[in-house]
Amino acid sequence: MKIYHSIEEFEGVENAVVTTGTFDGVHVGHSKIIDRLKEIATSINGETVLLTFFPHPRMVLFSDNDLKLITTKNEKIKLLEAAGIDHLIIHPFSREFSRLSSVEFVRDVLVNKLGTSRLVIGYNHHFGRNREGSFEHLKEYGPMYGFQVEEIHAQDIDAISVSSTKIRKALESGDIRTAKDYLTHDFHLSGIVVKGNNLGHKLGFPTANLKVVDSHKLIPANGVYSVTVSVHQQVYKGMLNIGLRPTIDGEEKTIEVHILDFEANIYGEEITLTFENWIREEQKFESLEALKVQLELDKQFVLAN
């Protein structure tokens, strides 16, 4: 997969089969669009082109919106490469770019810059200034500018239309199972291991405290989770706590993982957590001994699943 960090870097390809959108999470609905994109490209001897944006348009247009993303830019790149996209364009989104009218976006971007032969878009896709452009506009513009357009209907799971917003809400409520179903891949959280207060070590459950570097990355709901931990190119089971540690009257949110059967010093190193299951809500215990008893139960849950 070739990666371009602006539309201007892209030099065009023969029979470009194009889609555009934010693709946060690269969920099951996105996969349906990508599969159709590849199918068309194969039939017309073309190449797939995916145009996406960073920052997310909502971060630019609504500066007070503390939007968190399912996937970081690097995570999204890896997922789209695995999906088989030929050309990925990550264009810097700005207020100036947002002011393009729908016809300017079609003429100047899709046609003149990308050389679109076929365009595939998701259900209820909007584009251009004030989101004025729609599938109906594209059907009108297509014959004018020499491309064909196809709309992919929303992907449903259990009669629920999948969207990035619904996946974010699932993660923010700790509903890992629904998020995984909608994504069709695991949710990951990466960060650097930093020093904590060593309480876990005193309890017999030493933890790696994670500092998430990407400030836009979504952190799931406070609670205890079973995870796998990728460290030193090995994968271990782990029990993760996200929250305030109420038993010791903690005031700052922490992300702490106890890695099973692991003793190495990994301060300053990057590790990746893969979320497997929700175990329980974070709670305040009457004593550290009661907390230790619960941690042992949590460990048995992790080992059994």
C-alpha atoms as a PDB file:
ATOM      1  CA  MET A   1       0.000   0.000   0.000  1.00  0.00           C
ATOM      2  CA  LYS A   2       1.283   3.440  -0.940  1.00  0.00           C
ATOM      3  CA  ILE A   3       0.667   6.229   1.567  1.00  0.00           C
ATOM      4  CA  TYR A   4       0.326   9.919   0.736  1.00  0.00           C
ATOM      5  CA  HIS A   5       0.105  12.658   3.342  1.00  0.00           C
ATOM      6  CA  SER A   6      -1.842  15.084   1.175  1.00  0.00           C
ATOM      7  CA  ILE A   7      -3.919  15.041  -1.985  1.00  0.00           C
ATOM      8  CA  GLU A   8      -1.150  16.958  -3.749  1.00  0.00           C
ATOM      9  CA  GLU A   9       1.287  14.042  -3.295  1.00  0.00           C
ATOM     10  CA  PHE A  10      -0.963  11.678  -5.230  1.00  0.00           C
ATOM     11  CA  GLU A  11       0.018  11.465  -8.905  1.00  0.00           C
ATOM     12  CA  GLY A  12      -2.966   9.500 -10.151  1.00  0.00           C
ATOM     13  CA  VAL A  13      -3.488   5.960 -11.414  1.00  0.00           C
ATOM     14  CA  GLU A  14      -5.313   4.348 -14.293  1.00  0.00           C
ATOM     15  CA  ASN A  15      -8.962   3.532 -13.528  1.00  0.00           C
ATOM     16  CA  ALA A  16      -8.965   4.857  -9.979  1.00  0.00           C
ATOM     17  CA  VAL A  17     -11.696   3.286  -7.856  1.00  0.00           C
ATOM     18  CA  VAL A  18     -12.162   5.756  -5.013  1.00  0.00           C
ATOM     19  CA  THR A  19     -13.846   6.030  -1.645  1.00  0.00           C
ATOM     20  CA  THR A  20     -13.621   8.792   0.939  1.00  0.00           C
ATOM     21  CA  GLY A  21     -14.460   9.191   4.615  1.00  0.00           C
ATOM     22  CA  THR A  22     -12.970   9.261   8.098  1.00  0.00           C
ATOM     23  CA  PHE A  23     -12.927   5.440   8.507  1.00  0.00           C
ATOM     24  CA  ASP A  24     -12.410   5.649  12.272  1.00  0.00           C
ATOM     25  CA  GLY A  25     -12.228   2.103  13.606  1.00  0.00           C
ATOM     26  CA  VAL A  26     -12.291   0.505  10.123  1.00  0.00           C
ATOM     27  CA  HIS A  27     -15.416  -1.322  11.250  1.00  0.00           C
ATOM     28  CA  VAL A  28     -17.653  -3.903   9.551  1.00  0.00           C
ATOM     29  CA  GLY A  29     -19.442  -1.211   7.527  1.00  0.00           C
ATOM     30  CA  HIS A  30     -16.136   0.170   6.275  1.00  0.00           C
ATOM     31  CA  SER A  31     -15.042  -3.355   5.358  1.00  0.00           C
ATOM     32  CA  LYS A  32     -18.113  -3.734   3.178  1.00  0.00           C
ATOM     33  CA  ILE A  33     -17.177  -0.564   1.278  1.00  0.00           C
ATOM     34  CA  ILE A  34     -13.563  -1.678   0.896  1.00  0.00           C
ATOM     35  CA  ASP A  35     -14.567  -5.134  -0.348  1.00  0.00           C
ATOM     36  CA  ARG A  36     -16.764  -3.553  -3.015  1.00  0.00           C
ATOM     37  CA  LEU A  37     -13.964  -1.152  -3.926  1.00  0.00           C
ATOM     38  CA  LYS A  38     -11.582  -4.057  -4.542  1.00  0.00           C
ATOM     39  CA  GLU A  39     -14.202  -6.015  -6.443  1.00  0.00           C
ATOM     40  CA  ILE A  40     -14.771  -3.135  -8.886  1.00  0.00           C
ATOM     41  CA  ALA A  41     -11.032  -2.483  -9.259  1.00  0.00           C
ATOM     42  CA  THR A  42     -10.460  -6.115 -10.215  1.00  0.00           C
ATOM     43  CA  SER A  43     -13.268  -6.027 -12.793  1.00  0.00           C
ATOM     44  CA  ILE A  44     -11.958  -2.914 -14.593  1.00  0.00           C
ATOM     45  CA  ASN A  45      -8.224  -3.518 -14.094  1.00  0.00           C
ATOM     46  CA  GLY A  46      -8.037  -0.499 -11.798  1.00  0.00           C
ATOM     47  CA  GLU A  47      -6.522   0.398  -8.441  1.00  0.00           C
ATOM     48  CA  THR A  48      -8.211   1.262  -5.152  1.00  0.00           C
ATOM     49  CA  VAL A  49      -7.777   4.731  -3.670  1.00  0.00           C
ATOM     50  CA  LEU A  50      -8.997   5.676  -0.200  1.00  0.00           C
ATOM     51  CA  LEU A  51      -9.081   9.345   0.775  1.00  0.00           C
ATOM     52  CA  THR A  52      -9.314  10.022   4.499  1.00  0.00           C
ATOM     53  CA  PHE A  53      -8.479  12.939   6.760  1.00  0.00           C
ATOM     54  CA  PHE A  54      -6.497  13.874   9.835  1.00  0.00           C
ATOM     55  CA  PRO A  55      -7.373  15.536  12.114  1.00  0.00           C
ATOM     56  CA  HIS A  56     -10.915  14.184  12.186  1.00  0.00           C
ATOM     57  CA  PRO A  57     -13.177  16.888  10.671  1.00  0.00           C
ATOM     58  CA  ARG A  58     -15.169  17.206  13.911  1.00  0.00           C
ATOM     59  CA  MET A  59     -11.985  18.126  15.769  1.00  0.00           C
ATOM     60  CA  VAL A  60     -11.459  21.045  13.402  1.00  0.00           C
ATOM     61  CA  LEU A  61     -15.012  22.255  12.911  1.00  0.00           C
ATOM     62  CA  PHE A  62     -16.043  21.870  16.561  1.00  0.00           C
ATOM     63  CA  SER A  63     -12.922  22.824  18.499  1.00  0.00           C
ATOM     64  CA  ASP A  64     -14.729  22.401  21.831  1.00  0.00           C
ATOM     65  CA  ASN A  65     -15.668  18.816  20.941  1.00  0.00           C
ATOM     66  CA  ASP A  66     -13.414  16.455  22.906  1.00  0.00           C
ATOM     67  CA  LEU A  67     -13.784  13.685  20.346  1.00  0.00           C
ATOM     68  CA  LYS A  68     -11.814  10.530  21.042  1.00  0.00           C
ATOM     69  CA  LEU A  69     -10.961   8.099  18.256  1.00  0.00           C
ATOM     70  CA  ILE A  70     -11.276   4.331  18.097  1.00  0.00           C
ATOM     71  CA  THR A  71      -8.076   4.059  16.100  1.00  0.00           C
ATOM     72  CA  THR A  72      -4.976   6.234  16.074  1.00  0.00           C
ATOM     73  CA  LYS A  73      -3.640   7.295  12.695  1.00  0.00           C
ATOM     74  CA  ASN A  74      -1.035   4.518  12.744  1.00  0.00           C
ATOM     75  CA  GLU A  75      -3.582   1.897  13.781  1.00  0.00           C
ATOM     76  CA  LYS A  76      -5.874   2.955  10.953  1.00  0.00           C
ATOM     77  CA  ILE A  77      -3.024   2.749   8.447  1.00  0.00           C
ATOM     78  CA  LYS A  78      -2.258  -0.829   9.526  1.00  0.00           C
ATOM     79  CA  LEU A  79      -5.906  -1.883   9.303  1.00  0.00           C
ATOM     80  CA  LEU A  80      -6.374  -0.362   5.847  1.00  0.00           C
ATOM     81  CA  GLU A  81      -3.183  -1.984   4.606  1.00  0.00           C
ATOM     82  CA  ALA A  82      -4.394  -5.339   5.918  1.00  0.00           C
ATOM     83  CA  ALA A  83      -7.715  -4.719   4.141  1.00  0.00           C
ATOM     84  CA  GLY A  84      -5.885  -4.537   0.814  1.00  0.00           C
ATOM     85  CA  ILE A  85      -6.102  -0.860  -0.182  1.00  0.00           C
ATOM     86  CA  ASP A  86      -3.644   0.101  -2.937  1.00  0.00           C
ATOM     87  CA  HIS A  87      -3.373   3.841  -2.296  1.00  0.00           C
ATOM     88  CA  LEU A  88      -4.110   5.625   0.992  1.00  0.00           C
ATOM     89  CA  ILE A  89      -4.296   9.419   1.057  1.00  0.00           C
ATOM     90  CA  ILE A  90      -4.367  11.040   4.511  1.00  0.00           C
ATOM     91  CA  HIS A  91      -5.150  14.674   3.801  1.00  0.00           C
ATOM     92  CA  PRO A  92      -4.743  17.363   6.498  1.00  0.00           C
ATOM     93  CA  PHE A  93      -8.253  18.576   7.251  1.00  0.00           C
ATOM     94  CA  SER A  94      -8.579  22.322   7.795  1.00  0.00           C
ATOM     95  CA  ARG A  95     -11.285  24.976   7.939  1.00  0.00           C
ATOM     96  CA  GLU A  96     -10.177  26.135   4.512  1.00  0.00           C
ATOM     97  CA  PHE A  97     -10.659  22.650   3.083  1.00  0.00           C
ATOM     98  CA  SER A  98     -14.064  22.424   4.764  1.00  0.00           C
ATOM     99  CA  ARG A  99     -15.237  25.477   2.803  1.00  0.00           C
ATOM    100  CA  LEU A 100     -15.054  23.659  -0.532  1.00  0.00           C
ATOM    101  CA  SER A 101     -18.530  23.438  -2.011  1.00  0.00           C
ATOM    102  CA  SER A 102     -19.816  20.028  -3.026  1.00  0.00           C
ATOM    103  CA  VAL A 103     -19.220  20.754  -6.708  1.00  0.00           C
ATOM    104  CA  GLU A 104     -15.687  22.046  -5.974  1.00  0.00           C
ATOM    105  CA  PHE A 105     -14.920  18.898  -4.002  1.00  0.00           C
ATOM    106  CA  VAL A 106     -16.115  16.721  -6.867  1.00  0.00           C
ATOM    107  CA  ARG A 107     -14.457  18.723  -9.648  1.00  0.00           C
ATOM    108  CA  ASP A 108     -11.185  19.747  -7.959  1.00  0.00           C
ATOM    109  CA  VAL A 109     -10.536  16.774  -5.677  1.00  0.00           C
ATOM    110  CA  LEU A 110     -12.305  13.662  -6.965  1.00  0.00           C
ATOM    111  CA  VAL A 111     -11.879  14.398 -10.659  1.00  0.00           C
ATOM    112  CA  ASN A 112      -8.885  16.693 -11.194  1.00  0.00           C
ATOM    113  CA  LYS A 113      -6.687  15.422  -8.350  1.00  0.00           C
ATOM    114  CA  LEU A 114      -7.683  11.769  -7.981  1.00  0.00           C
ATOM    115  CA  GLY A 115      -8.876  11.010 -11.519  1.00  0.00           C
ATOM    116  CA  THR A 116     -11.870   9.076 -10.194  1.00  0.00           C
ATOM    117  CA  SER A 117     -13.295   6.493 -12.577  1.00  0.00           C
ATOM    118  CA  ARG A 118     -15.615   4.819 -10.044  1.00  0.00           C
ATOM    119  CA  LEU A 119     -16.698   6.199  -6.678  1.00  0.00           C
ATOM    120  CA  VAL A 120     -18.015   4.037  -3.828  1.00  0.00           C
ATOM    121  CA  ILE A 121     -19.489   5.733  -0.764  1.00  0.00           C
ATOM    122  CA  GLY A 122     -21.168   4.636   2.435  1.00  0.00           C
ATOM    123  CA  TYR A 123     -24.781   5.094   3.324  1.00  0.00           C
ATOM    124  CA  ASN A 124     -25.853   8.679   4.062  1.00  0.00           C
ATOM    125  CA  HIS A 125     -22.432  10.061   3.094  1.00  0.00           C
ATOM    126  CA  HIS A 126     -22.186  13.868   3.006  1.00  0.00           C
ATOM    127  CA  PHE A 127     -19.394  16.116   1.814  1.00  0.00           C
ATOM    128  CA  GLY A 128     -18.543  19.706   0.941  1.00  0.00           C
ATOM    129  CA  ARG A 129     -19.321  22.938   2.756  1.00  0.00           C
ATOM    130  CA  ASN A 130     -21.907  22.448   5.518  1.00  0.00           C
ATOM    131  CA  ARG A 131     -22.190  18.788   4.404  1.00  0.00           C
ATOM    132  CA  GLU A 132     -24.310  19.969   1.478  1.00  0.00           C
ATOM    133  CA  GLY A 133     -23.231  17.166  -0.862  1.00  0.00           C
ATOM    134  CA  SER A 134     -25.057  13.824  -0.903  1.00  0.00           C
ATOM    135  CA  PHE A 135     -25.458  10.678  -2.981  1.00  0.00           C
ATOM    136  CA  GLU A 136     -28.102  12.476  -5.044  1.00  0.00           C
ATOM    137  CA  HIS A 137     -25.595  15.210  -5.889  1.00  0.00           C
ATOM    138  CA  LEU A 138     -23.014  12.603  -6.879  1.00  0.00           C
ATOM    139  CA  LYS A 139     -25.479  10.863  -9.210  1.00  0.00           C
ATOM    140  CA  GLU A 140     -25.997  14.240 -10.853  1.00  0.00           C
ATOM    141  CA  TYR A 141     -22.291  15.126 -11.050  1.00  0.00           C
ATOM    142  CA  GLY A 142     -21.124  11.704 -12.242  1.00  0.00           C
ATOM    143  CA  PRO A 143     -22.263  11.990 -15.868  1.00  0.00           C
ATOM    144  CA  MET A 144     -21.013  15.588 -15.977  1.00  0.00           C
ATOM    145  CA  TYR A 145     -17.476  14.642 -14.916  1.00  0.00           C
ATOM    146  CA  GLY A 146     -17.191  11.137 -16.306  1.00  0.00           C
ATOM    147  CA  PHE A 147     -17.338   8.835 -13.277  1.00  0.00           C
ATOM    148  CA  GLN A 148     -19.800   6.280 -11.936  1.00  0.00           C
ATOM    149  CA  VAL A 149     -20.972   6.287  -8.325  1.00  0.00           C
ATOM    150  CA  GLU A 150     -22.293   3.533  -6.077  1.00  0.00           C
ATOM    151  CA  GLU A 151     -23.727   3.742  -2.566  1.00  0.00           C
ATOM    152  CA  ILE A 152     -23.193   0.917  -0.079  1.00  0.00           C
ATOM    153  CA  HIS A 153     -26.008   0.502   2.414  1.00  0.00           C
ATOM    154  CA  ALA A 154     -25.283   0.493   6.128  1.00  0.00           C
ATOM    155  CA  GLN A 155     -24.049  -2.788   7.566  1.00  0.00           C
ATOM    156  CA  ASP A 156     -26.442  -4.175  10.170  1.00  0.00           C
ATOM    157  CA  ILE A 157     -25.626  -6.495  13.058  1.00  0.00           C
ATOM    158  CA  ASP A 158     -28.602  -7.807  15.035  1.00  0.00           C
ATOM    159  CA  ALA A 159     -30.763  -5.265  13.182  1.00  0.00           C
ATOM    160  CA  ILE A 160     -28.585  -2.395  14.455  1.00  0.00           C
ATOM    161  CA  SER A 161     -26.844  -0.153  11.937  1.00  0.00           C
ATOM    162  CA  VAL A 162     -23.113  -0.083  12.673  1.00  0.00           C
ATOM    163  CA  SER A 163     -21.328   3.255  12.981  1.00  0.00           C
ATOM    164  CA  SER A 164     -18.130   4.622  14.522  1.00  0.00           C
ATOM    165  CA  THR A 165     -20.271   6.625  16.958  1.00  0.00           C
ATOM    166  CA  LYS A 166     -22.005   3.482  18.241  1.00  0.00           C
ATOM    167  CA  ILE A 167     -18.664   1.736  18.680  1.00  0.00           C
ATOM    168  CA  ARG A 168     -17.305   4.685  20.662  1.00  0.00           C
ATOM    169  CA  LYS A 169     -20.373   4.593  22.907  1.00  0.00           C
ATOM    170  CA  ALA A 170     -19.941   0.853  23.440  1.00  0.00           C
ATOM    171  CA  LEU A 171     -16.311   1.284  24.485  1.00  0.00           C
ATOM    172  CA  GLU A 172     -17.155   4.244  26.697  1.00  0.00           C
ATOM    173  CA  SER A 173     -19.632   2.019  28.564  1.00  0.00           C
ATOM    174  CA  GLY A 174     -17.219  -0.926  28.821  1.00  0.00           C
ATOM    175  CA  ASP A 175     -19.159  -3.035  26.319  1.00  0.00           C
ATOM    176  CA  ILE A 176     -16.134  -4.704  24.762  1.00  0.00           C
ATOM    177  CA  ARG A 177     -18.105  -7.569  23.219  1.00  0.00           C
ATOM    178  CA  THR A 178     -20.343  -5.262  21.173  1.00  0.00           C
ATOM    179  CA  ALA A 179     -17.382  -3.150  20.112  1.00  0.00           C
ATOM    180  CA  LYS A 180     -15.516  -6.244  18.894  1.00  0.00           C
ATOM    181  CA  ASP A 181     -18.579  -7.482  17.009  1.00  0.00           C
ATOM    182  CA  TYR A 182     -18.946  -4.151  15.223  1.00  0.00           C
ATOM    183  CA  LEU A 183     -15.245  -3.767  14.503  1.00  0.00           C
ATOM    184  CA  THR A 184     -14.593  -7.382  13.454  1.00  0.00           C
ATOM    185  CA  HIS A 185     -11.128  -6.894  14.971  1.00  0.00           C
ATOM    186  CA  ASP A 186      -9.793  -6.309  18.469  1.00  0.00           C
ATOM    187  CA  PHE A 187      -9.592  -2.947  20.187  1.00  0.00           C
ATOM    188  CA  HIS A 188      -6.025  -1.996  21.091  1.00  0.00           C
ATOM    189  CA  LEU A 189      -4.480   0.500  23.463  1.00  0.00           C
ATOM    190  CA  SER A 190      -0.768   1.285  23.311  1.00  0.00           C
ATOM    191  CA  GLY A 191       1.413   3.379  25.576  1.00  0.00           C
ATOM    192  CA  ILE A 192       4.646   3.828  27.469  1.00  0.00           C
ATOM    193  CA  VAL A 193       5.213   2.144  30.838  1.00  0.00           C
ATOM    194  CA  VAL A 194       5.807   4.734  33.570  1.00  0.00           C
ATOM    195  CA  LYS A 195       6.450   4.503  37.311  1.00  0.00           C
ATOM    196  CA  GLY A 196       3.476   4.233  39.668  1.00  0.00           C
ATOM    197  CA  ASN A 197       3.176   4.099  43.460  1.00  0.00           C
ATOM    198  CA  ASN A 198       4.070   0.380  43.712  1.00  0.00           C
ATOM    199  CA  LEU A 199       0.812  -0.480  45.498  1.00  0.00           C
ATOM    200  CA  GLY A 200       0.244  -3.437  43.178  1.00  0.00           C
ATOM    201  CA  HIS A 201       3.672  -4.824  44.077  1.00  0.00           C
ATOM    202  CA  LYS A 202       2.829  -4.603  47.782  1.00  0.00           C
ATOM    203  CA  LEU A 203      -0.388  -6.547  47.146  1.00  0.00           C
ATOM    204  CA  GLY A 204       1.407  -9.246  45.180  1.00  0.00           C
ATOM    205  CA  PHE A 205       0.015  -7.980  41.878  1.00  0.00           C
ATOM    206  CA  PRO A 206       2.680  -5.671  40.391  1.00  0.00           C
ATOM    207  CA  THR A 207       1.359  -3.519  37.587  1.00  0.00           C
ATOM    208  CA  ALA A 208       2.713  -1.685  34.577  1.00  0.00           C
ATOM    209  CA  ASN A 209       1.311   1.848  34.527  1.00  0.00           C
ATOM    210  CA  LEU A 210       0.472   2.898  30.994  1.00  0.00           C
ATOM    211  CA  LYS A 211       0.824   6.425  29.662  1.00  0.00           C
ATOM    212  CA  VAL A 212      -1.133   6.729  26.404  1.00  0.00           C
ATOM    213  CA  VAL A 213       0.829   9.103  24.173  1.00  0.00           C
ATOM    214  CA  ASP A 214      -1.888   9.854  21.610  1.00  0.00           C
ATOM    215  CA  SER A 215      -4.248  12.316  23.310  1.00  0.00           C
ATOM    216  CA  HIS A 216      -6.996  11.592  20.755  1.00  0.00           C
ATOM    217  CA  LYS A 217      -7.160   7.864  21.548  1.00  0.00           C
ATOM    218  CA  LEU A 218     -10.366   6.672  23.185  1.00  0.00           C
ATOM    219  CA  ILE A 219      -9.921   5.123  26.632  1.00  0.00           C
ATOM    220  CA  PRO A 220     -12.687   2.625  27.528  1.00  0.00           C
ATOM    221  CA  ALA A 221     -14.874   2.997  30.618  1.00  0.00           C
ATOM    222  CA  ASN A 222     -13.411   2.734  34.090  1.00  0.00           C
ATOM    223  CA  GLY A 223     -13.372  -0.859  35.223  1.00  0.00           C
ATOM    224  CA  VAL A 224     -11.446  -4.121  35.228  1.00  0.00           C
ATOM    225  CA  TYR A 225     -10.785  -5.996  31.993  1.00  0.00           C
ATOM    226  CA  SER A 226      -9.053  -9.133  30.816  1.00  0.00           C
ATOM    227  CA  VAL A 227      -6.485  -8.283  28.175  1.00  0.00           C
ATOM    228  CA  THR A 228      -3.518  -9.671  26.376  1.00  0.00           C
ATOM    229  CA  VAL A 229      -0.302  -7.695  26.550  1.00  0.00           C
ATOM    230  CA  SER A 230       2.240  -7.481  23.745  1.00  0.00           C
ATOM    231  CA  VAL A 231       5.703  -6.825  25.141  1.00  0.00           C
ATOM    232  CA  HIS A 232       9.147  -7.836  23.871  1.00  0.00           C
ATOM    233  CA  GLN A 233       7.405  -9.383  20.836  1.00  0.00           C
ATOM    234  CA  GLN A 234       5.692 -11.849  23.165  1.00  0.00           C
ATOM    235  CA  VAL A 235       2.033 -12.002  24.217  1.00  0.00           C
ATOM    236  CA  TYR A 236       0.947 -12.508  27.823  1.00  0.00           C
ATOM    237  CA  LYS A 237      -2.389 -12.584  29.613  1.00  0.00           C
ATOM    238  CA  GLY A 238      -3.150  -9.609  31.800  1.00  0.00           C
ATOM    239  CA  MET A 239      -5.721  -8.017  34.103  1.00  0.00           C
ATOM    240  CA  LEU A 240      -6.255  -4.328  33.516  1.00  0.00           C
ATOM    241  CA  ASN A 241      -7.693  -1.633  35.758  1.00  0.00           C
ATOM    242  CA  ILE A 242      -8.790   1.726  34.375  1.00  0.00           C
ATOM    243  CA  GLY A 243      -9.904   4.300  36.908  1.00  0.00           C
ATOM    244  CA  LEU A 244      -9.240   6.216  40.110  1.00  0.00           C
ATOM    245  CA  ARG A 245      -8.328   3.383  42.519  1.00  0.00           C
ATOM    246  CA  PRO A 246     -11.042   4.345  45.040  1.00  0.00           C
ATOM    247  CA  THR A 247      -9.808   1.930  47.726  1.00  0.00           C
ATOM    248  CA  ILE A 248      -6.800   4.223  48.281  1.00  0.00           C
ATOM    249  CA  ASP A 249      -8.797   7.393  47.508  1.00  0.00           C
ATOM    250  CA  GLY A 250      -6.998   7.971  44.229  1.00  0.00           C
ATOM    251  CA  GLU A 251      -7.599  11.291  42.511  1.00  0.00           C
ATOM    252  CA  GLU A 252      -6.032  10.768  39.093  1.00  0.00           C
ATOM    253  CA  LYS A 253      -7.168   8.290  36.455  1.00  0.00           C
ATOM    254  CA  THR A 254      -4.659   5.517  35.853  1.00  0.00           C
ATOM    255  CA  ILE A 255      -4.312   2.639  33.406  1.00  0.00           C
ATOM    256  CA  GLU A 256      -2.597  -0.280  35.165  1.00  0.00           C
ATOM    257  CA  VAL A 257      -2.080  -3.814  33.929  1.00  0.00           C
ATOM    258  CA  HIS A 258      -0.878  -6.821  35.871  1.00  0.00           C
ATOM    259  CA  ILE A 259       0.936  -9.063  33.394  1.00  0.00           C
ATOM    260  CA  LEU A 260       0.673 -12.722  34.318  1.00  0.00           C
ATOM    261  CA  ASP A 261       3.877 -14.793  34.477  1.00  0.00           C
ATOM    262  CA  PHE A 262       6.041 -11.769  33.715  1.00  0.00           C
ATOM    263  CA  GLU A 263       8.727 -10.137  35.865  1.00  0.00           C
ATOM    264  CA  ALA A 264      10.993  -8.056  33.577  1.00  0.00           C
ATOM    265  CA  ASN A 265      11.627  -4.343  34.071  1.00  0.00           C
ATOM    266  CA  ILE A 266       9.873  -2.545  31.209  1.00  0.00           C
ATOM    267  CA  TYR A 267       9.876   1.070  32.380  1.00  0.00           C
ATOM    268  CA  GLY A 268      10.076   3.408  29.388  1.00  0.00           C
ATOM    269  CA  GLU A 269       9.055   0.712  26.904  1.00  0.00           C
ATOM    270  CA  GLU A 270       5.940   0.646  24.713  1.00  0.00           C
ATOM    271  CA  ILE A 271       3.407  -2.110  25.247  1.00  0.00           C
ATOM    272  CA  THR A 272       0.083  -2.827  23.537  1.00  0.00           C
ATOM    273  CA  LEU A 273      -3.055  -4.035  25.264  1.00  0.00           C
ATOM    274  CA  THR A 274      -5.669  -6.050  23.400  1.00  0.00           C
ATOM    275  CA  PHE A 275      -9.054  -5.987  25.120  1.00  0.00           C
ATOM    276  CA  GLU A 276     -10.661  -9.387  25.569  1.00  0.00           C
ATOM    277  CA  ASN A 277     -13.475  -9.118  28.144  1.00  0.00           C
ATOM    278  CA  TRP A 278     -15.048  -6.828  30.706  1.00  0.00           C
ATOM    279  CA  ILE A 279     -14.661  -8.327  34.200  1.00  0.00           C
ATOM    280  CA  ARG A 280     -16.291  -5.857  36.601  1.00  0.00           C
ATOM    281  CA  GLU A 281     -16.741  -2.248  37.568  1.00  0.00           C
ATOM    282  CA  GLU A 282     -14.052  -0.530  39.597  1.00  0.00           C
ATOM    283  CA  GLN A 283     -15.116  -0.468  43.238  1.00  0.00           C
ATOM    284  CA  LYS A 284     -14.005   0.703  46.661  1.00  0.00           C
ATOM    285  CA  PHE A 285     -13.094  -2.084  49.085  1.00  0.00           C
ATOM    286  CA  GLU A 286     -13.153  -1.899  52.857  1.00  0.00           C
ATOM    287  CA  SER A 287      -9.482  -2.805  53.086  1.00  0.00           C
ATOM    288  CA  LEU A 288      -6.428  -3.613  50.996  1.00  0.00           C
ATOM    289  CA  GLU A 289      -6.819  -7.233  52.072  1.00  0.00           C
ATOM    290  CA  ALA A 290     -10.343  -7.310  50.604  1.00  0.00           C
ATOM    291  CA  LEU A 291      -8.968  -5.788  47.405  1.00  0.00           C
ATOM    292  CA  LYS A 292      -6.284  -8.475  47.282  1.00  0.00           C
ATOM    293  CA  VAL A 293      -8.926 -11.204  47.580  1.00  0.00           C
ATOM    294  CA  GLN A 294     -10.844  -9.688  44.660  1.00  0.00           C
ATOM    295  CA  LEU A 295      -7.677  -9.393  42.566  1.00  0.00           C
ATOM    296  CA  GLU A 296      -7.122 -13.113  43.014  1.00  0.00           C
ATOM    297  CA  LEU A 297     -10.669 -13.750  41.740  1.00  0.00           C
ATOM    298  CA  ASP A 298     -10.018 -11.456  38.788  1.00  0.00           C
ATOM    299  CA  LYS A 299      -6.855 -13.407  38.023  1.00  0.00           C
ATOM    300  CA  GLN A 300      -8.757 -16.699  37.998  1.00  0.00           C
ATOM    301  CA  PHE A 301     -11.271 -15.166  35.557  1.00  0.00           C
ATOM    302  CA  VAL A 302      -8.441 -14.140  33.230  1.00  0.00           C
ATOM    303  CA  LEU A 303      -6.834 -17.567  33.369  1.00  0.00           C
ATOM    304  CA  ALA A 304     -10.147 -19.298  32.638  1.00  0.00           C
ATOM    305  CA  ASN A 305     -11.032 -17.159  29.599  1.00  0.00           C
END
